[in-house]
Amino acid sequence: MLHYALVFFVVALIAAVFGFGGIAAGAAEIAKILFFIFLILFVVSLVTGLFRRGR
């Protein structure tokens, strides 16, 4: 998932360089959403791993 966030971020940067503001904004929003989903899943995974290790 982090890979897709980075891909959309690169697409947003390239679109911004070429002057496609709408596409750049859309790709940046998608990248931001994917990054936050990745972050939430990562934290949940860490917490569940700590609880399983404690048993």
Protein backbone atom coordinates (compact mmCIF):
# COMPACT_ATOMS: atom_id res chain seq x y z
CA MET A 1 0.00 0.00 0.00
CA LEU A 2 2.87 2.32 0.74
CA HIS A 3 4.16 1.57 -2.75
CA TYR A 4 0.92 2.85 -4.30
CA ALA A 5 1.05 5.97 -2.14
CA LEU A 6 4.55 6.69 -3.42
CA VAL A 7 3.48 6.03 -7.02
CA PHE A 8 0.60 8.50 -6.73
CA PHE A 9 2.94 11.01 -5.10
CA VAL A 10 5.37 10.75 -8.00
CA VAL A 11 2.50 11.09 -10.48
CA ALA A 12 1.37 14.22 -8.62
CA LEU A 13 4.87 15.70 -8.77
CA ILE A 14 5.24 14.99 -12.48
CA ALA A 15 1.77 16.39 -13.23
CA ALA A 16 2.56 19.52 -11.22
CA VAL A 17 5.81 20.04 -13.13
CA PHE A 18 3.97 19.85 -16.44
CA GLY A 19 1.22 22.19 -15.25
CA PHE A 20 -1.67 19.79 -14.84
CA GLY A 21 -2.96 21.21 -11.57
CA GLY A 22 -6.18 19.22 -11.35
CA ILE A 23 -4.51 15.90 -11.97
CA ALA A 24 -1.72 16.77 -9.55
CA ALA A 25 -4.20 17.69 -6.82
CA GLY A 26 -6.19 14.50 -7.37
CA ALA A 27 -3.11 12.28 -7.31
CA ALA A 28 -1.81 14.05 -4.20
CA GLU A 29 -5.12 13.48 -2.41
CA ILE A 30 -5.10 9.79 -3.31
CA ALA A 31 -1.49 9.49 -2.13
CA LYS A 32 -2.36 11.20 1.16
CA ILE A 33 -5.36 8.92 1.77
CA LEU A 34 -3.34 5.78 0.98
CA PHE A 35 -0.53 6.94 3.25
CA PHE A 36 -2.88 7.48 6.19
CA ILE A 37 -4.52 4.09 5.63
CA PHE A 38 -1.05 2.53 5.60
CA LEU A 39 -0.13 4.39 8.78
CA ILE A 40 -3.28 3.23 10.61
CA LEU A 41 -2.78 -0.38 9.52
CA PHE A 42 0.87 -0.22 10.54
CA VAL A 43 0.03 1.02 14.05
CA VAL A 44 -2.70 -1.60 14.47
CA SER A 45 -0.25 -4.26 13.35
CA LEU A 46 2.34 -3.07 15.87
CA VAL A 47 -0.16 -3.03 18.73
CA THR A 48 -1.49 -6.51 17.95
CA GLY A 49 2.07 -7.79 17.65
CA LEU A 50 2.92 -6.42 21.07
CA PHE A 51 -0.14 -8.05 22.63
CA ARG A 52 0.62 -11.42 21.02
CA ARG A 53 4.25 -11.28 22.10
CA GLY A 54 3.20 -10.58 25.69
CA ARG A 55 1.29 -13.86 26.01
